[in-house]
Amino acid sequence: SIARKLIFSKWQEALGGNLHTMVSGSAALQPRLARIFGAAGMQVMEGYGLTETSPVVSVGMYKNNMYKVGTVGIPIDNVEVKIADDGEILIKGPNVMMGYYKDPERTADVMTGAYFHTGDKGEIDQQGFLKITGRKKEMFKTS
């Protein structure tokens, strides 16, 4: 396309010319940015996880049609994700921590049986893609 030749080729060159995949995590990637990277011919790989989930829960990749803009992919093998009545994302699997070191009270606050309460809110669509919609308790980002 003309845009790829005029704009995106210069952009890719400025990024070193070898950037083919952009990886995003920590916070949801804005859908418009995912579309821009896609239009530039760069694949987007977006994931979700927490330290307590060692660290991956779900991954979205263009490979095998496992990517959907606005989501963080589908859960990885052997990981179960469900949404609680209040919208909180709950995680169960062999990757979930056993507990916080020498802190049973904090562990009890985040574990219900085998499910880890993430503190994040989300939705699972009909194809199984996870979308992060917010936090149970909003926190300030310091960086």
C-alpha atoms as a PDB file:
ATOM      1  CA  SER A   1       0.000   0.000   0.000  1.00  0.00           C
ATOM      2  CA  ILE A   2       1.014   3.632  -0.406  1.00  0.00           C
ATOM      3  CA  ALA A   3       0.907   4.239   3.360  1.00  0.00           C
ATOM      4  CA  ARG A   4       3.270   1.332   3.966  1.00  0.00           C
ATOM      5  CA  LYS A   5       5.741   2.656   1.397  1.00  0.00           C
ATOM      6  CA  LEU A   6       5.589   6.308   2.419  1.00  0.00           C
ATOM      7  CA  ILE A   7       5.127   6.175   6.169  1.00  0.00           C
ATOM      8  CA  PHE A   8       5.522   2.745   7.681  1.00  0.00           C
ATOM      9  CA  SER A   9       8.706   1.802   5.806  1.00  0.00           C
ATOM     10  CA  LYS A  10      10.424   4.890   7.270  1.00  0.00           C
ATOM     11  CA  TRP A  11       9.014   4.075  10.687  1.00  0.00           C
ATOM     12  CA  GLN A  12      10.302   0.496  10.502  1.00  0.00           C
ATOM     13  CA  GLU A  13      13.684   1.769   9.327  1.00  0.00           C
ATOM     14  CA  ALA A  14      13.839   4.160  12.299  1.00  0.00           C
ATOM     15  CA  LEU A  15      13.183   1.170  14.566  1.00  0.00           C
ATOM     16  CA  GLY A  16      16.178  -0.664  13.111  1.00  0.00           C
ATOM     17  CA  GLY A  17      14.516  -2.255  10.098  1.00  0.00           C
ATOM     18  CA  ASN A  18      14.210  -5.678  11.693  1.00  0.00           C
ATOM     19  CA  LEU A  19      11.192  -5.221  13.930  1.00  0.00           C
ATOM     20  CA  HIS A  20       8.574  -7.777  12.914  1.00  0.00           C
ATOM     21  CA  THR A  21       6.753  -8.439  16.176  1.00  0.00           C
ATOM     22  CA  MET A  22       5.746  -6.028  18.910  1.00  0.00           C
ATOM     23  CA  VAL A  23       5.185  -7.545  22.362  1.00  0.00           C
ATOM     24  CA  SER A  24       2.881  -5.813  24.832  1.00  0.00           C
ATOM     25  CA  GLY A  25       2.135  -6.578  28.455  1.00  0.00           C
ATOM     26  CA  SER A  26       1.669  -4.941  31.857  1.00  0.00           C
ATOM     27  CA  ALA A  27      -1.246  -2.782  30.704  1.00  0.00           C
ATOM     28  CA  ALA A  28      -3.781  -3.233  27.928  1.00  0.00           C
ATOM     29  CA  LEU A  29      -2.549  -2.042  24.542  1.00  0.00           C
ATOM     30  CA  GLN A  30      -4.804   0.590  23.063  1.00  0.00           C
ATOM     31  CA  PRO A  31      -6.637  -0.947  20.072  1.00  0.00           C
ATOM     32  CA  ARG A  32      -5.589   1.934  17.806  1.00  0.00           C
ATOM     33  CA  LEU A  33      -1.911   1.196  18.515  1.00  0.00           C
ATOM     34  CA  ALA A  34      -2.414  -2.483  17.703  1.00  0.00           C
ATOM     35  CA  ARG A  35      -3.996  -1.476  14.397  1.00  0.00           C
ATOM     36  CA  ILE A  36      -1.123   0.909  13.599  1.00  0.00           C
ATOM     37  CA  PHE A  37       1.487  -1.789  14.241  1.00  0.00           C
ATOM     38  CA  GLY A  38      -0.554  -4.217  12.131  1.00  0.00           C
ATOM     39  CA  ALA A  39      -0.842  -1.711   9.280  1.00  0.00           C
ATOM     40  CA  ALA A  40       2.941  -1.299   9.408  1.00  0.00           C
ATOM     41  CA  GLY A  41       3.332  -5.035   8.870  1.00  0.00           C
ATOM     42  CA  MET A  42       4.404  -5.717  12.444  1.00  0.00           C
ATOM     43  CA  GLN A  43       2.693  -8.536  14.277  1.00  0.00           C
ATOM     44  CA  VAL A  44       1.389  -7.802  17.747  1.00  0.00           C
ATOM     45  CA  MET A  45       1.742 -10.301  20.581  1.00  0.00           C
ATOM     46  CA  GLU A  46      -0.171  -9.204  23.658  1.00  0.00           C
ATOM     47  CA  GLY A  47      -0.213 -11.088  26.915  1.00  0.00           C
ATOM     48  CA  TYR A  48      -1.615 -10.986  30.415  1.00  0.00           C
ATOM     49  CA  GLY A  49      -0.256 -12.320  33.654  1.00  0.00           C
ATOM     50  CA  LEU A  50       0.942 -11.469  37.120  1.00  0.00           C
ATOM     51  CA  THR A  51       3.926 -12.408  39.251  1.00  0.00           C
ATOM     52  CA  GLU A  52       1.575 -14.684  41.207  1.00  0.00           C
ATOM     53  CA  THR A  53       0.703 -16.574  38.009  1.00  0.00           C
ATOM     54  CA  SER A  54       4.342 -17.297  37.049  1.00  0.00           C
ATOM     55  CA  PRO A  55       3.740 -14.941  35.033  1.00  0.00           C
ATOM     56  CA  VAL A  56       1.646 -15.833  31.961  1.00  0.00           C
ATOM     57  CA  VAL A  57      -2.121 -16.396  31.931  1.00  0.00           C
ATOM     58  CA  SER A  58      -3.086 -15.627  28.338  1.00  0.00           C
ATOM     59  CA  VAL A  59      -1.404 -14.671  25.089  1.00  0.00           C
ATOM     60  CA  GLY A  60      -2.736 -13.280  21.855  1.00  0.00           C
ATOM     61  CA  MET A  61      -0.683 -13.901  18.707  1.00  0.00           C
ATOM     62  CA  TYR A  62      -1.384 -13.395  15.018  1.00  0.00           C
ATOM     63  CA  LYS A  63      -0.146 -16.932  14.479  1.00  0.00           C
ATOM     64  CA  ASN A  64      -3.035 -19.403  14.124  1.00  0.00           C
ATOM     65  CA  ASN A  65      -5.635 -16.593  14.392  1.00  0.00           C
ATOM     66  CA  MET A  66      -5.089 -16.338  18.140  1.00  0.00           C
ATOM     67  CA  TYR A  67      -5.125 -12.529  18.192  1.00  0.00           C
ATOM     68  CA  LYS A  68      -8.050 -10.185  18.540  1.00  0.00           C
ATOM     69  CA  VAL A  69      -7.529  -6.430  18.899  1.00  0.00           C
ATOM     70  CA  GLY A  70      -8.693  -5.212  22.307  1.00  0.00           C
ATOM     71  CA  THR A  71      -8.062  -8.520  24.084  1.00  0.00           C
ATOM     72  CA  VAL A  72      -5.085 -10.196  25.762  1.00  0.00           C
ATOM     73  CA  GLY A  73      -5.588 -13.481  23.962  1.00  0.00           C
ATOM     74  CA  ILE A  74      -6.791 -16.836  25.150  1.00  0.00           C
ATOM     75  CA  PRO A  75      -5.609 -18.690  28.265  1.00  0.00           C
ATOM     76  CA  ILE A  76      -2.507 -20.817  27.832  1.00  0.00           C
ATOM     77  CA  ASP A  77      -2.735 -24.597  28.167  1.00  0.00           C
ATOM     78  CA  ASN A  78      -3.642 -25.925  31.625  1.00  0.00           C
ATOM     79  CA  VAL A  79      -4.803 -22.504  32.862  1.00  0.00           C
ATOM     80  CA  GLU A  80      -8.440 -21.839  33.690  1.00  0.00           C
ATOM     81  CA  VAL A  81      -9.792 -18.306  33.700  1.00  0.00           C
ATOM     82  CA  LYS A  82     -13.234 -17.426  34.965  1.00  0.00           C
ATOM     83  CA  ILE A  83     -15.006 -14.191  35.744  1.00  0.00           C
ATOM     84  CA  ALA A  84     -16.507 -13.764  39.230  1.00  0.00           C
ATOM     85  CA  ASP A  85     -19.956 -12.258  39.741  1.00  0.00           C
ATOM     86  CA  ASP A  86     -18.357  -8.861  40.437  1.00  0.00           C
ATOM     87  CA  GLY A  87     -16.340  -9.044  37.191  1.00  0.00           C
ATOM     88  CA  GLU A  88     -13.010  -9.962  38.796  1.00  0.00           C
ATOM     89  CA  ILE A  89     -10.690 -12.250  36.835  1.00  0.00           C
ATOM     90  CA  LEU A  90      -9.958 -15.507  38.695  1.00  0.00           C
ATOM     91  CA  ILE A  91      -7.089 -17.803  37.677  1.00  0.00           C
ATOM     92  CA  LYS A  92      -6.548 -21.498  38.378  1.00  0.00           C
ATOM     93  CA  GLY A  93      -3.672 -23.637  37.152  1.00  0.00           C
ATOM     94  CA  PRO A  94      -0.269 -25.131  37.909  1.00  0.00           C
ATOM     95  CA  ASN A  95       1.285 -21.704  37.319  1.00  0.00           C
ATOM     96  CA  VAL A  96      -0.579 -20.095  40.242  1.00  0.00           C
ATOM     97  CA  MET A  97       1.508 -19.504  43.361  1.00  0.00           C
ATOM     98  CA  MET A  98       0.968 -21.607  46.472  1.00  0.00           C
ATOM     99  CA  GLY A  99       0.910 -18.491  48.636  1.00  0.00           C
ATOM    100  CA  TYR A 100       2.825 -15.454  49.786  1.00  0.00           C
ATOM    101  CA  TYR A 101       5.958 -16.333  51.748  1.00  0.00           C
ATOM    102  CA  LYS A 102       5.219 -16.344  55.487  1.00  0.00           C
ATOM    103  CA  ASP A 103       2.046 -14.297  54.935  1.00  0.00           C
ATOM    104  CA  PRO A 104      -1.006 -16.563  55.329  1.00  0.00           C
ATOM    105  CA  GLU A 105      -3.384 -13.626  55.834  1.00  0.00           C
ATOM    106  CA  ARG A 106      -2.439 -12.003  52.545  1.00  0.00           C
ATOM    107  CA  THR A 107      -2.626 -15.404  50.850  1.00  0.00           C
ATOM    108  CA  ALA A 108      -6.135 -15.964  52.232  1.00  0.00           C
ATOM    109  CA  ASP A 109      -7.174 -12.559  50.860  1.00  0.00           C
ATOM    110  CA  VAL A 110      -6.345 -13.554  47.268  1.00  0.00           C
ATOM    111  CA  MET A 111      -7.031 -17.296  47.162  1.00  0.00           C
ATOM    112  CA  THR A 112     -10.410 -19.012  47.127  1.00  0.00           C
ATOM    113  CA  GLY A 113      -9.673 -22.713  46.926  1.00  0.00           C
ATOM    114  CA  ALA A 114      -7.389 -23.101  43.914  1.00  0.00           C
ATOM    115  CA  TYR A 115      -8.457 -19.779  42.355  1.00  0.00           C
ATOM    116  CA  PHE A 116      -6.288 -16.682  42.547  1.00  0.00           C
ATOM    117  CA  HIS A 117      -8.160 -13.363  42.684  1.00  0.00           C
ATOM    118  CA  THR A 118      -6.240 -11.016  40.380  1.00  0.00           C
ATOM    119  CA  GLY A 119      -7.818  -7.711  41.370  1.00  0.00           C
ATOM    120  CA  ASP A 120      -8.383  -7.071  37.659  1.00  0.00           C
ATOM    121  CA  LYS A 121     -11.800  -6.960  36.036  1.00  0.00           C
ATOM    122  CA  GLY A 122     -12.484  -8.556  32.709  1.00  0.00           C
ATOM    123  CA  GLU A 123     -14.718 -10.364  30.270  1.00  0.00           C
ATOM    124  CA  ILE A 124     -14.374 -13.537  28.227  1.00  0.00           C
ATOM    125  CA  ASP A 125     -15.970 -13.429  24.786  1.00  0.00           C
ATOM    126  CA  GLN A 126     -17.643 -16.295  22.915  1.00  0.00           C
ATOM    127  CA  GLN A 127     -14.368 -17.331  21.269  1.00  0.00           C
ATOM    128  CA  GLY A 128     -12.586 -17.488  24.656  1.00  0.00           C
ATOM    129  CA  PHE A 129     -10.593 -14.247  24.332  1.00  0.00           C
ATOM    130  CA  LEU A 130      -9.952 -12.385  27.584  1.00  0.00           C
ATOM    131  CA  LYS A 131     -10.485  -8.632  27.720  1.00  0.00           C
ATOM    132  CA  ILE A 132      -9.241  -6.531  30.638  1.00  0.00           C
ATOM    133  CA  THR A 133     -11.866  -3.934  31.552  1.00  0.00           C
ATOM    134  CA  GLY A 134     -10.395  -2.346  34.694  1.00  0.00           C
ATOM    135  CA  ARG A 135      -9.309  -2.881  38.273  1.00  0.00           C
ATOM    136  CA  LYS A 136     -11.371  -3.742  41.328  1.00  0.00           C
ATOM    137  CA  LYS A 137      -9.463  -1.050  43.158  1.00  0.00           C
ATOM    138  CA  GLU A 138      -7.952   1.656  41.004  1.00  0.00           C
ATOM    139  CA  MET A 139      -4.288   2.371  41.675  1.00  0.00           C
ATOM    140  CA  PHE A 140      -2.053   5.163  40.481  1.00  0.00           C
ATOM    141  CA  LYS A 141       0.701   4.351  38.006  1.00  0.00           C
ATOM    142  CA  THR A 142       3.957   5.920  39.113  1.00  0.00           C
ATOM    143  CA  SER A 143       5.909   5.286  35.917  1.00  0.00           C
END
